[in-house]
Structure formats: C-alpha cells, structure tokens
C-alpha cells in the first residue's frame, strides 16, 4: 500500500548543512538529503563558497494523519534547528515524489578499501576486489553517507573474519549486516525495533541474495530480545545513539563472545564520555575511537578480550 510522507526541509548556510542534517535526523530516524549548490570538488578547490552559499536539507517522516501531526512535526523541527536559526518548511508528498527526491541525493559511494554502496537505480562497474552492497534504503537509516555508518563500515571491514557471527543492533536499512555477510561472516542477526527499518532491511537482504545468512527480526537486547536469539556473538555492530548504548551496555557486554568486539556509533562527541563510562561499568574497555565531525564511533572489547 502506498505511503505518504512529510518532507521537512530547511534552507541554511552551506557551512551549517551537516549540523542541520544531524539535528533533523533525530526526527526522521534516518534518510537525510543535503542539496548543495556546488560539488565536493568545487568545495575543496574554493572552500570560501561555504561562507555565501546556501544548502537545502531534507528529511522524510511517514505521514499517518493530518494537520495536528504536521504542526507537531513543525514545532519539533523548529526546536531542533533553533540553534542554527533555520526556518522549517513542511509538505506532504506521495511515495513516488519521495522516492524520486531521495534518489537524486544518493550516489555510488566507496567506503574503506573495498566496500562500495550501490543504489539499485545506478549502474556501477565493479573492480575485482570490490565488495558491492546493493541498496534501496527506503526511509530506513543507513546509506553510507552519514559519519556513523561510514565509521561502522570501516571497522567492519577490518574486524569481520570468515566464519564469525555478527549482531547488527538497530540495523536500519541492513547495510551493516549485508557488509558483514559479504565480508565473510557465517551468520548475522539484524535487529531493529522500527517496523519500517525491518521491512527495508529484509528487502535489501533479499536484493543481495543473503536470506540464508542474515536473519532480520524486530527487537533489541534485554527484555526486547526476540525468541531464538543466540546468547553471544563474535562481533556486535550497534549504530544507534548514546542513550540506548549506555542503557544497553550490560546487555551488550553479555552478548559479546570472549575475544569479540563491539563497534558502537551514533554518538555525538559531547556525549561520548557517558557511553565510555557506561561501557566501563559493564566491563567493556574502549580501545579505539574514530572521529568525523561531531560524531564518534567506538571499538570496545570485554575484559577477556
């Protein structure tokens, strides 16, 4: 059944576009498009463009009702963008309009040495060593263009070994699960509490022919753990947020096999100490931090690791 969407957009100085996208992603839970008036190459050649140019940042939220929902979203978006002095615009768009708008802002991306994220509507000639992930993200978080997703993918490329088991907590589009399986993981459990994300992940897993190695289930750890979830995993990928990471630290530690690693992301720099402290109290030691802009990705191991 077709779904309508609320498009939330804001015109903002280009130098603040990343910050606005990060703030609006807290509302949309994922898909963020930034329309810049210049290419990345132009920006690198003439960074002064950022002082005068404006960008448009767009996010999309499923529309379930009418005016009251729209006004509630408007108030929330204005609140999160208030520190950036941005004015918010809302409009209701159909499934086709949303899909076409999103596609314009999602290119083929190379991450790390071998990983390539290919939107299904774009052609790509793969090199012999490329690990290509075919993706149609829908509204789910995880396209490779956000620092948290990139950080997790770069870590996965280094940490996934043939035959290991992987838990992808907050799987979003399924991008991390698919990467882990294509890098050699024997079995992957992909969990998300959002039904839209779970549906998108299942579709992407099928698109990549990995139904036999990746199990997508609605759920989380702790009381929300689905039936049949294995007790421990060699690698846990948790691209969620600092609050859930801190609250789930004991459950994450319990789900980690001896010698295994946790890649935790979705962490704003100023909240990183809270996660590190929660991990330490759960017996998890942070051994690596990856920084990109305001965002942090952590690699942690248990005391036996």
C-alpha atoms as a PDB file:
ATOM      1  CA  UNK A   1       0.000   0.000   0.000  1.00  0.00           C
ATOM      2  CA  UNK A   2       1.471   3.427  -0.992  1.00  0.00           C
ATOM      3  CA  UNK A   3       2.616   5.595   1.909  1.00  0.00           C
ATOM      4  CA  UNK A   4       2.608   9.386   2.042  1.00  0.00           C
ATOM      5  CA  UNK A   5       5.495  11.243   3.680  1.00  0.00           C
ATOM      6  CA  UNK A   6       6.087  14.535   5.405  1.00  0.00           C
ATOM      7  CA  UNK A   7       9.015  16.292   3.759  1.00  0.00           C
ATOM      8  CA  UNK A   8      10.714  18.556   6.311  1.00  0.00           C
ATOM      9  CA  UNK A   9      13.142  20.961   4.667  1.00  0.00           C
ATOM     10  CA  UNK A  10      15.229  23.949   5.663  1.00  0.00           C
ATOM     11  CA  UNK A  11      17.362  26.432   3.727  1.00  0.00           C
ATOM     12  CA  UNK A  12      20.555  27.043   5.633  1.00  0.00           C
ATOM     13  CA  UNK A  13      24.109  28.362   5.085  1.00  0.00           C
ATOM     14  CA  UNK A  14      26.074  25.556   3.433  1.00  0.00           C
ATOM     15  CA  UNK A  15      28.658  25.586   6.210  1.00  0.00           C
ATOM     16  CA  UNK A  16      25.898  24.504   8.636  1.00  0.00           C
ATOM     17  CA  UNK A  17      24.349  21.824   6.403  1.00  0.00           C
ATOM     18  CA  UNK A  18      25.983  18.862   8.157  1.00  0.00           C
ATOM     19  CA  UNK A  19      24.924  20.140  11.571  1.00  0.00           C
ATOM     20  CA  UNK A  20      21.347  20.688  10.364  1.00  0.00           C
ATOM     21  CA  UNK A  21      21.231  17.201   8.838  1.00  0.00           C
ATOM     22  CA  UNK A  22      22.442  15.655  12.101  1.00  0.00           C
ATOM     23  CA  UNK A  23      19.781  17.504  14.070  1.00  0.00           C
ATOM     24  CA  UNK A  24      16.950  16.678  11.675  1.00  0.00           C
ATOM     25  CA  UNK A  25      17.977  13.014  11.550  1.00  0.00           C
ATOM     26  CA  UNK A  26      16.866  12.782  15.189  1.00  0.00           C
ATOM     27  CA  UNK A  27      13.317  13.380  13.913  1.00  0.00           C
ATOM     28  CA  UNK A  28      13.394  11.255  10.787  1.00  0.00           C
ATOM     29  CA  UNK A  29      15.437   8.403  12.209  1.00  0.00           C
ATOM     30  CA  UNK A  30      17.460   8.130   9.061  1.00  0.00           C
ATOM     31  CA  UNK A  31      17.169   9.354   5.487  1.00  0.00           C
ATOM     32  CA  UNK A  32      18.653  12.840   5.152  1.00  0.00           C
ATOM     33  CA  UNK A  33      19.316  14.595   1.845  1.00  0.00           C
ATOM     34  CA  UNK A  34      21.574  17.642   1.510  1.00  0.00           C
ATOM     35  CA  UNK A  35      21.250  19.648  -1.710  1.00  0.00           C
ATOM     36  CA  UNK A  36      24.447  21.703  -2.101  1.00  0.00           C
ATOM     37  CA  UNK A  37      24.864  24.392  -4.787  1.00  0.00           C
ATOM     38  CA  UNK A  38      28.346  23.063  -5.621  1.00  0.00           C
ATOM     39  CA  UNK A  39      30.150  19.748  -5.886  1.00  0.00           C
ATOM     40  CA  UNK A  40      32.565  18.338  -3.333  1.00  0.00           C
ATOM     41  CA  UNK A  41      35.412  19.020  -5.798  1.00  0.00           C
ATOM     42  CA  UNK A  42      34.385  22.676  -6.075  1.00  0.00           C
ATOM     43  CA  UNK A  43      34.251  22.923  -2.301  1.00  0.00           C
ATOM     44  CA  UNK A  44      37.777  21.535  -1.971  1.00  0.00           C
ATOM     45  CA  UNK A  45      39.065  23.936  -4.623  1.00  0.00           C
ATOM     46  CA  UNK A  46      37.333  27.011  -3.204  1.00  0.00           C
ATOM     47  CA  UNK A  47      36.186  26.488   0.399  1.00  0.00           C
ATOM     48  CA  UNK A  48      35.180  30.161   0.670  1.00  0.00           C
ATOM     49  CA  UNK A  49      31.983  29.127  -1.149  1.00  0.00           C
ATOM     50  CA  UNK A  50      30.713  27.910   2.218  1.00  0.00           C
ATOM     51  CA  UNK A  51      30.533  31.466   3.525  1.00  0.00           C
ATOM     52  CA  UNK A  52      27.989  32.710   0.990  1.00  0.00           C
ATOM     53  CA  UNK A  53      26.225  29.665  -0.417  1.00  0.00           C
ATOM     54  CA  UNK A  54      23.075  28.090   0.943  1.00  0.00           C
ATOM     55  CA  UNK A  55      22.026  24.459   1.032  1.00  0.00           C
ATOM     56  CA  UNK A  56      18.690  22.706   1.425  1.00  0.00           C
ATOM     57  CA  UNK A  57      18.431  19.889   3.967  1.00  0.00           C
ATOM     58  CA  UNK A  58      15.500  17.474   3.662  1.00  0.00           C
ATOM     59  CA  UNK A  59      14.267  14.581   5.796  1.00  0.00           C
ATOM     60  CA  UNK A  60      11.194  12.390   5.420  1.00  0.00           C
ATOM     61  CA  UNK A  61       8.770  11.018   8.006  1.00  0.00           C
ATOM     62  CA  UNK A  62       5.850   8.650   7.242  1.00  0.00           C
ATOM     63  CA  UNK A  63       2.553  10.582   7.285  1.00  0.00           C
ATOM     64  CA  UNK A  64      -0.109   8.886   9.369  1.00  0.00           C
ATOM     65  CA  UNK A  65      -2.554  11.740   9.971  1.00  0.00           C
ATOM     66  CA  UNK A  66      -3.209  15.336   9.056  1.00  0.00           C
ATOM     67  CA  UNK A  67      -2.882  18.870  10.370  1.00  0.00           C
ATOM     68  CA  UNK A  68      -2.179  18.087  14.024  1.00  0.00           C
ATOM     69  CA  UNK A  69       0.658  15.742  13.089  1.00  0.00           C
ATOM     70  CA  UNK A  70       2.074  18.308  10.661  1.00  0.00           C
ATOM     71  CA  UNK A  71       2.092  21.071  13.263  1.00  0.00           C
ATOM     72  CA  UNK A  72       3.678  18.797  15.876  1.00  0.00           C
ATOM     73  CA  UNK A  73       6.455  17.947  13.415  1.00  0.00           C
ATOM     74  CA  UNK A  74       6.902  21.608  12.535  1.00  0.00           C
ATOM     75  CA  UNK A  75       7.285  22.562  16.197  1.00  0.00           C
ATOM     76  CA  UNK A  76       9.782  19.768  16.815  1.00  0.00           C
ATOM     77  CA  UNK A  77      11.830  20.607  13.715  1.00  0.00           C
ATOM     78  CA  UNK A  78      11.888  24.303  14.608  1.00  0.00           C
ATOM     79  CA  UNK A  79      13.030  23.374  18.105  1.00  0.00           C
ATOM     80  CA  UNK A  80      15.948  21.179  16.989  1.00  0.00           C
ATOM     81  CA  UNK A  81      17.046  23.744  14.384  1.00  0.00           C
ATOM     82  CA  UNK A  82      16.615  26.798  16.629  1.00  0.00           C
ATOM     83  CA  UNK A  83      20.361  26.979  17.482  1.00  0.00           C
ATOM     84  CA  UNK A  84      21.080  27.253  13.735  1.00  0.00           C
ATOM     85  CA  UNK A  85      18.443  29.953  13.102  1.00  0.00           C
ATOM     86  CA  UNK A  86      16.895  27.913  10.276  1.00  0.00           C
ATOM     87  CA  UNK A  87      13.302  28.236   9.079  1.00  0.00           C
ATOM     88  CA  UNK A  88      11.457  24.965   8.541  1.00  0.00           C
ATOM     89  CA  UNK A  89       9.066  24.096   5.703  1.00  0.00           C
ATOM     90  CA  UNK A  90       6.745  21.076   5.598  1.00  0.00           C
ATOM     91  CA  UNK A  91       4.837  19.486   2.762  1.00  0.00           C
ATOM     92  CA  UNK A  92       3.086  16.181   2.248  1.00  0.00           C
ATOM     93  CA  UNK A  93       4.420  14.103  -0.646  1.00  0.00           C
ATOM     94  CA  UNK A  94       3.420  10.787  -2.167  1.00  0.00           C
ATOM     95  CA  UNK A  95       5.552   7.655  -2.343  1.00  0.00           C
ATOM     96  CA  UNK A  96       6.715   8.387  -5.895  1.00  0.00           C
ATOM     97  CA  UNK A  97       7.659  12.004  -5.137  1.00  0.00           C
ATOM     98  CA  UNK A  98       9.589  10.972  -2.031  1.00  0.00           C
ATOM     99  CA  UNK A  99      11.428   8.170  -3.801  1.00  0.00           C
ATOM    100  CA  UNK A 100      12.475  10.347  -6.736  1.00  0.00           C
ATOM    101  CA  UNK A 101      13.647  13.160  -4.443  1.00  0.00           C
ATOM    102  CA  UNK A 102      15.694  10.782  -2.323  1.00  0.00           C
ATOM    103  CA  UNK A 103      17.324   9.105  -5.330  1.00  0.00           C
ATOM    104  CA  UNK A 104      18.768  12.431  -6.514  1.00  0.00           C
ATOM    105  CA  UNK A 105      20.876  12.637  -3.350  1.00  0.00           C
ATOM    106  CA  UNK A 106      22.209   9.080  -3.096  1.00  0.00           C
ATOM    107  CA  UNK A 107      25.288   8.377  -5.271  1.00  0.00           C
ATOM    108  CA  UNK A 108      27.528   5.315  -5.511  1.00  0.00           C
ATOM    109  CA  UNK A 109      29.955   5.511  -2.564  1.00  0.00           C
ATOM    110  CA  UNK A 110      33.263   3.827  -1.812  1.00  0.00           C
ATOM    111  CA  UNK A 111      33.983   3.306   1.889  1.00  0.00           C
ATOM    112  CA  UNK A 112      37.235   1.918   3.216  1.00  0.00           C
ATOM    113  CA  UNK A 113      39.389  -0.097   0.828  1.00  0.00           C
ATOM    114  CA  UNK A 114      36.857  -2.471  -0.704  1.00  0.00           C
ATOM    115  CA  UNK A 115      33.282  -1.620   0.237  1.00  0.00           C
ATOM    116  CA  UNK A 116      31.080   0.013  -2.402  1.00  0.00           C
ATOM    117  CA  UNK A 117      27.488   1.105  -1.726  1.00  0.00           C
ATOM    118  CA  UNK A 118      25.493   0.966  -4.967  1.00  0.00           C
ATOM    119  CA  UNK A 119      21.955   2.389  -5.112  1.00  0.00           C
ATOM    120  CA  UNK A 120      19.912  -0.100  -7.089  1.00  0.00           C
ATOM    121  CA  UNK A 121      18.913   2.512  -9.661  1.00  0.00           C
ATOM    122  CA  UNK A 122      22.553   3.317 -10.597  1.00  0.00           C
ATOM    123  CA  UNK A 123      24.989   1.279 -12.701  1.00  0.00           C
ATOM    124  CA  UNK A 124      28.460   0.509 -11.393  1.00  0.00           C
ATOM    125  CA  UNK A 125      31.377  -1.398 -12.949  1.00  0.00           C
ATOM    126  CA  UNK A 126      32.917  -3.257 -10.012  1.00  0.00           C
ATOM    127  CA  UNK A 127      36.673  -3.767  -9.699  1.00  0.00           C
ATOM    128  CA  UNK A 128      37.862  -7.341  -8.947  1.00  0.00           C
ATOM    129  CA  UNK A 129      38.338  -6.734  -5.201  1.00  0.00           C
ATOM    130  CA  UNK A 130      35.216  -4.622  -4.653  1.00  0.00           C
ATOM    131  CA  UNK A 131      32.613  -5.776  -2.144  1.00  0.00           C
ATOM    132  CA  UNK A 132      29.446  -4.263  -3.610  1.00  0.00           C
ATOM    133  CA  UNK A 133      26.373  -3.713  -1.447  1.00  0.00           C
ATOM    134  CA  UNK A 134      23.213  -3.158  -3.492  1.00  0.00           C
ATOM    135  CA  UNK A 135      20.905  -0.902  -1.536  1.00  0.00           C
ATOM    136  CA  UNK A 136      17.447   0.609  -1.673  1.00  0.00           C
ATOM    137  CA  UNK A 137      17.257   2.232   1.758  1.00  0.00           C
ATOM    138  CA  UNK A 138      13.657   3.373   1.763  1.00  0.00           C
ATOM    139  CA  UNK A 139      13.117   5.523   4.854  1.00  0.00           C
ATOM    140  CA  UNK A 140      15.495   3.460   6.978  1.00  0.00           C
ATOM    141  CA  UNK A 141      18.749   4.825   8.346  1.00  0.00           C
ATOM    142  CA  UNK A 142      21.912   3.553   6.735  1.00  0.00           C
ATOM    143  CA  UNK A 143      23.027   4.725   3.310  1.00  0.00           C
ATOM    144  CA  UNK A 144      26.743   5.175   3.908  1.00  0.00           C
ATOM    145  CA  UNK A 145      26.610   8.958   3.657  1.00  0.00           C
ATOM    146  CA  UNK A 146      26.439   9.542   7.423  1.00  0.00           C
ATOM    147  CA  UNK A 147      29.635   9.560   9.537  1.00  0.00           C
ATOM    148  CA  UNK A 148      28.249   6.934  11.912  1.00  0.00           C
ATOM    149  CA  UNK A 149      27.501   4.476   9.111  1.00  0.00           C
ATOM    150  CA  UNK A 150      30.876   5.098   7.488  1.00  0.00           C
ATOM    151  CA  UNK A 151      32.654   4.568  10.797  1.00  0.00           C
ATOM    152  CA  UNK A 152      30.892   1.254  11.362  1.00  0.00           C
ATOM    153  CA  UNK A 153      31.579   0.065   7.818  1.00  0.00           C
ATOM    154  CA  UNK A 154      35.276   0.930   8.076  1.00  0.00           C
ATOM    155  CA  UNK A 155      35.503  -1.010  11.346  1.00  0.00           C
ATOM    156  CA  UNK A 156      33.555  -3.952   9.922  1.00  0.00           C
ATOM    157  CA  UNK A 157      35.960  -4.168   7.002  1.00  0.00           C
ATOM    158  CA  UNK A 158      38.824  -4.624   9.483  1.00  0.00           C
ATOM    159  CA  UNK A 159      37.088  -6.751  12.098  1.00  0.00           C
ATOM    160  CA  UNK A 160      34.943  -9.225  10.157  1.00  0.00           C
ATOM    161  CA  UNK A 161      36.762 -12.534   9.729  1.00  0.00           C
ATOM    162  CA  UNK A 162      35.472 -15.555   7.798  1.00  0.00           C
ATOM    163  CA  UNK A 163      33.099 -17.680   9.828  1.00  0.00           C
ATOM    164  CA  UNK A 164      32.315 -15.269  12.677  1.00  0.00           C
ATOM    165  CA  UNK A 165      28.849 -14.472  13.988  1.00  0.00           C
ATOM    166  CA  UNK A 166      27.579 -10.886  13.963  1.00  0.00           C
ATOM    167  CA  UNK A 167      24.779  -8.973  15.681  1.00  0.00           C
ATOM    168  CA  UNK A 168      23.608  -5.793  13.940  1.00  0.00           C
ATOM    169  CA  UNK A 169      21.671  -3.894  16.611  1.00  0.00           C
ATOM    170  CA  UNK A 170      19.476  -1.154  15.155  1.00  0.00           C
ATOM    171  CA  UNK A 171      20.026  -2.476  11.653  1.00  0.00           C
ATOM    172  CA  UNK A 172      18.173   0.275   9.770  1.00  0.00           C
ATOM    173  CA  UNK A 173      18.452  -0.417   6.045  1.00  0.00           C
ATOM    174  CA  UNK A 174      20.511  -3.554   6.735  1.00  0.00           C
ATOM    175  CA  UNK A 175      23.670  -2.046   5.256  1.00  0.00           C
ATOM    176  CA  UNK A 176      25.967  -3.214   8.085  1.00  0.00           C
ATOM    177  CA  UNK A 177      24.516  -6.726   8.119  1.00  0.00           C
ATOM    178  CA  UNK A 178      24.967  -7.064   4.379  1.00  0.00           C
ATOM    179  CA  UNK A 179      28.530  -5.759   4.581  1.00  0.00           C
ATOM    180  CA  UNK A 180      29.353  -8.238   7.355  1.00  0.00           C
ATOM    181  CA  UNK A 181      27.928 -11.170   5.403  1.00  0.00           C
ATOM    182  CA  UNK A 182      29.714 -10.191   2.188  1.00  0.00           C
ATOM    183  CA  UNK A 183      32.972  -9.805   4.124  1.00  0.00           C
ATOM    184  CA  UNK A 184      32.691 -13.422   5.291  1.00  0.00           C
ATOM    185  CA  UNK A 185      30.505 -13.608   8.408  1.00  0.00           C
ATOM    186  CA  UNK A 186      28.848 -17.007   8.687  1.00  0.00           C
ATOM    187  CA  UNK A 187      25.682 -15.772  10.343  1.00  0.00           C
ATOM    188  CA  UNK A 188      24.175 -12.357  11.067  1.00  0.00           C
ATOM    189  CA  UNK A 189      21.212 -11.350  13.206  1.00  0.00           C
ATOM    190  CA  UNK A 190      19.802  -7.938  12.236  1.00  0.00           C
ATOM    191  CA  UNK A 191      17.546  -6.372  14.880  1.00  0.00           C
ATOM    192  CA  UNK A 192      15.520  -3.166  14.782  1.00  0.00           C
ATOM    193  CA  UNK A 193      12.508  -2.018  16.777  1.00  0.00           C
ATOM    194  CA  UNK A 194      11.238   0.097  13.849  1.00  0.00           C
ATOM    195  CA  UNK A 195       8.939  -1.904  11.542  1.00  0.00           C
ATOM    196  CA  UNK A 196       9.818   0.327   8.537  1.00  0.00           C
ATOM    197  CA  UNK A 197      13.515  -0.390   9.119  1.00  0.00           C
ATOM    198  CA  UNK A 198      12.950  -4.127   9.491  1.00  0.00           C
ATOM    199  CA  UNK A 199      10.974  -4.216   6.241  1.00  0.00           C
ATOM    200  CA  UNK A 200      13.671  -2.222   4.408  1.00  0.00           C
ATOM    201  CA  UNK A 201      16.403  -4.492   5.784  1.00  0.00           C
ATOM    202  CA  UNK A 202      14.575  -7.655   4.696  1.00  0.00           C
ATOM    203  CA  UNK A 203      14.153  -6.244   1.205  1.00  0.00           C
ATOM    204  CA  UNK A 204      17.832  -5.312   0.958  1.00  0.00           C
ATOM    205  CA  UNK A 205      18.985  -8.665   2.311  1.00  0.00           C
ATOM    206  CA  UNK A 206      16.900 -10.389  -0.370  1.00  0.00           C
ATOM    207  CA  UNK A 207      18.213  -7.970  -3.002  1.00  0.00           C
ATOM    208  CA  UNK A 208      21.762  -9.083  -2.171  1.00  0.00           C
ATOM    209  CA  UNK A 209      20.838 -12.780  -2.095  1.00  0.00           C
ATOM    210  CA  UNK A 210      21.721 -13.194   1.588  1.00  0.00           C
ATOM    211  CA  UNK A 211      18.478 -14.548   3.099  1.00  0.00           C
ATOM    212  CA  UNK A 212      20.242 -17.751   4.160  1.00  0.00           C
ATOM    213  CA  UNK A 213      22.916 -15.921   6.189  1.00  0.00           C
ATOM    214  CA  UNK A 214      21.115 -12.859   7.585  1.00  0.00           C
ATOM    215  CA  UNK A 215      18.065 -13.082   9.816  1.00  0.00           C
ATOM    216  CA  UNK A 216      16.121  -9.806  10.179  1.00  0.00           C
ATOM    217  CA  UNK A 217      13.872  -9.618  13.242  1.00  0.00           C
ATOM    218  CA  UNK A 218      12.068  -6.827  15.070  1.00  0.00           C
ATOM    219  CA  UNK A 219      13.563  -6.488  18.520  1.00  0.00           C
ATOM    220  CA  UNK A 220      16.540  -5.435  20.586  1.00  0.00           C
ATOM    221  CA  UNK A 221      18.540  -6.815  23.508  1.00  0.00           C
ATOM    222  CA  UNK A 222      17.373  -7.316  27.083  1.00  0.00           C
ATOM    223  CA  UNK A 223      13.607  -7.555  27.543  1.00  0.00           C
ATOM    224  CA  UNK A 224      13.051  -6.877  23.843  1.00  0.00           C
ATOM    225  CA  UNK A 225      15.251  -9.770  22.670  1.00  0.00           C
ATOM    226  CA  UNK A 226      13.478 -11.926  20.077  1.00  0.00           C
ATOM    227  CA  UNK A 227      12.992 -15.640  20.552  1.00  0.00           C
ATOM    228  CA  UNK A 228      15.874 -17.747  19.362  1.00  0.00           C
ATOM    229  CA  UNK A 229      18.495 -15.015  19.540  1.00  0.00           C
ATOM    230  CA  UNK A 230      21.906 -16.655  20.130  1.00  0.00           C
ATOM    231  CA  UNK A 231      23.389 -15.837  23.556  1.00  0.00           C
ATOM    232  CA  UNK A 232      26.655 -14.398  22.223  1.00  0.00           C
ATOM    233  CA  UNK A 233      28.252 -13.002  19.063  1.00  0.00           C
ATOM    234  CA  UNK A 234      31.843 -12.544  17.899  1.00  0.00           C
ATOM    235  CA  UNK A 235      31.133  -9.020  16.644  1.00  0.00           C
ATOM    236  CA  UNK A 236      28.369  -6.580  17.598  1.00  0.00           C
ATOM    237  CA  UNK A 237      27.608  -3.572  15.389  1.00  0.00           C
ATOM    238  CA  UNK A 238      25.433  -1.042  17.245  1.00  0.00           C
ATOM    239  CA  UNK A 239      24.847   2.168  15.294  1.00  0.00           C
ATOM    240  CA  UNK A 240      22.102   3.621  17.479  1.00  0.00           C
ATOM    241  CA  UNK A 241      22.615   6.569  19.879  1.00  0.00           C
ATOM    242  CA  UNK A 242      24.420   7.408  23.104  1.00  0.00           C
ATOM    243  CA  UNK A 243      21.354   6.965  25.325  1.00  0.00           C
ATOM    244  CA  UNK A 244      20.427   3.451  24.170  1.00  0.00           C
ATOM    245  CA  UNK A 245      24.099   2.452  24.040  1.00  0.00           C
ATOM    246  CA  UNK A 246      24.570   3.489  27.664  1.00  0.00           C
ATOM    247  CA  UNK A 247      21.367   1.802  28.819  1.00  0.00           C
ATOM    248  CA  UNK A 248      22.155  -1.396  26.910  1.00  0.00           C
ATOM    249  CA  UNK A 249      25.829  -1.576  27.952  1.00  0.00           C
ATOM    250  CA  UNK A 250      25.324  -4.569  30.323  1.00  0.00           C
ATOM    251  CA  UNK A 251      23.272  -6.419  27.690  1.00  0.00           C
ATOM    252  CA  UNK A 252      25.872  -5.669  25.026  1.00  0.00           C
ATOM    253  CA  UNK A 253      28.633  -6.974  27.290  1.00  0.00           C
ATOM    254  CA  UNK A 254      26.623 -10.120  27.972  1.00  0.00           C
ATOM    255  CA  UNK A 255      26.013 -10.728  24.264  1.00  0.00           C
ATOM    256  CA  UNK A 256      29.711 -10.444  23.375  1.00  0.00           C
ATOM    257  CA  UNK A 257      31.661 -13.680  22.997  1.00  0.00           C
ATOM    258  CA  UNK A 258      35.111 -13.896  24.654  1.00  0.00           C
ATOM    259  CA  UNK A 259      37.650 -12.136  22.462  1.00  0.00           C
ATOM    260  CA  UNK A 260      34.938 -10.383  20.481  1.00  0.00           C
ATOM    261  CA  UNK A 261      34.482  -6.696  19.703  1.00  0.00           C
ATOM    262  CA  UNK A 262      31.690  -4.135  19.805  1.00  0.00           C
ATOM    263  CA  UNK A 263      31.513  -1.310  17.285  1.00  0.00           C
ATOM    264  CA  UNK A 264      29.289   1.389  18.786  1.00  0.00           C
ATOM    265  CA  UNK A 265      28.249   4.528  16.939  1.00  0.00           C
ATOM    266  CA  UNK A 266      25.575   7.200  16.690  1.00  0.00           C
ATOM    267  CA  UNK A 267      27.435   9.094  19.416  1.00  0.00           C
ATOM    268  CA  UNK A 268      27.694  12.895  19.480  1.00  0.00           C
ATOM    269  CA  UNK A 269      31.144  13.956  20.713  1.00  0.00           C
ATOM    270  CA  UNK A 270      29.885  15.715  23.823  1.00  0.00           C
ATOM    271  CA  UNK A 271      28.065  12.563  24.975  1.00  0.00           C
ATOM    272  CA  UNK A 272      30.907  10.145  24.311  1.00  0.00           C
ATOM    273  CA  UNK A 273      32.125  10.202  27.973  1.00  0.00           C
ATOM    274  CA  UNK A 274      28.698   8.915  29.072  1.00  0.00           C
ATOM    275  CA  UNK A 275      28.980   5.910  26.752  1.00  0.00           C
ATOM    276  CA  UNK A 276      32.595   5.214  27.709  1.00  0.00           C
ATOM    277  CA  UNK A 277      31.652   5.326  31.396  1.00  0.00           C
ATOM    278  CA  UNK A 278      28.630   3.038  30.910  1.00  0.00           C
ATOM    279  CA  UNK A 279      30.781   0.608  28.943  1.00  0.00           C
ATOM    280  CA  UNK A 280      33.477   0.620  31.647  1.00  0.00           C
ATOM    281  CA  UNK A 281      30.915  -0.175  34.346  1.00  0.00           C
ATOM    282  CA  UNK A 282      29.741  -3.101  32.189  1.00  0.00           C
ATOM    283  CA  UNK A 283      33.304  -4.405  31.817  1.00  0.00           C
ATOM    284  CA  UNK A 284      33.874  -3.086  28.299  1.00  0.00           C
ATOM    285  CA  UNK A 285      37.092  -1.229  27.501  1.00  0.00           C
ATOM    286  CA  UNK A 286      37.180   1.221  24.584  1.00  0.00           C
ATOM    287  CA  UNK A 287      40.313   0.541  22.533  1.00  0.00           C
ATOM    288  CA  UNK A 288      39.724   2.802  19.542  1.00  0.00           C
ATOM    289  CA  UNK A 289      37.818   5.993  18.705  1.00  0.00           C
ATOM    290  CA  UNK A 290      37.026   7.168  15.186  1.00  0.00           C
ATOM    291  CA  UNK A 291      36.055  10.844  14.880  1.00  0.00           C
ATOM    292  CA  UNK A 292      34.291  12.517  11.961  1.00  0.00           C
ATOM    293  CA  UNK A 293      32.856  15.953  12.578  1.00  0.00           C
ATOM    294  CA  UNK A 294      30.640  15.859  15.675  1.00  0.00           C
ATOM    295  CA  UNK A 295      30.251  12.093  15.531  1.00  0.00           C
ATOM    296  CA  UNK A 296      32.198   9.300  17.222  1.00  0.00           C
ATOM    297  CA  UNK A 297      32.469   5.555  16.569  1.00  0.00           C
ATOM    298  CA  UNK A 298      33.955   3.395  19.328  1.00  0.00           C
ATOM    299  CA  UNK A 299      35.515  -0.076  19.258  1.00  0.00           C
ATOM    300  CA  UNK A 300      35.322  -1.859  22.616  1.00  0.00           C
ATOM    301  CA  UNK A 301      36.208  -5.286  23.966  1.00  0.00           C
ATOM    302  CA  UNK A 302      35.394  -7.183  27.134  1.00  0.00           C
ATOM    303  CA  UNK A 303      37.842  -7.738  29.935  1.00  0.00           C
ATOM    304  CA  UNK A 304      38.668 -11.177  28.489  1.00  0.00           C
ATOM    305  CA  UNK A 305      39.320  -9.679  25.049  1.00  0.00           C
END
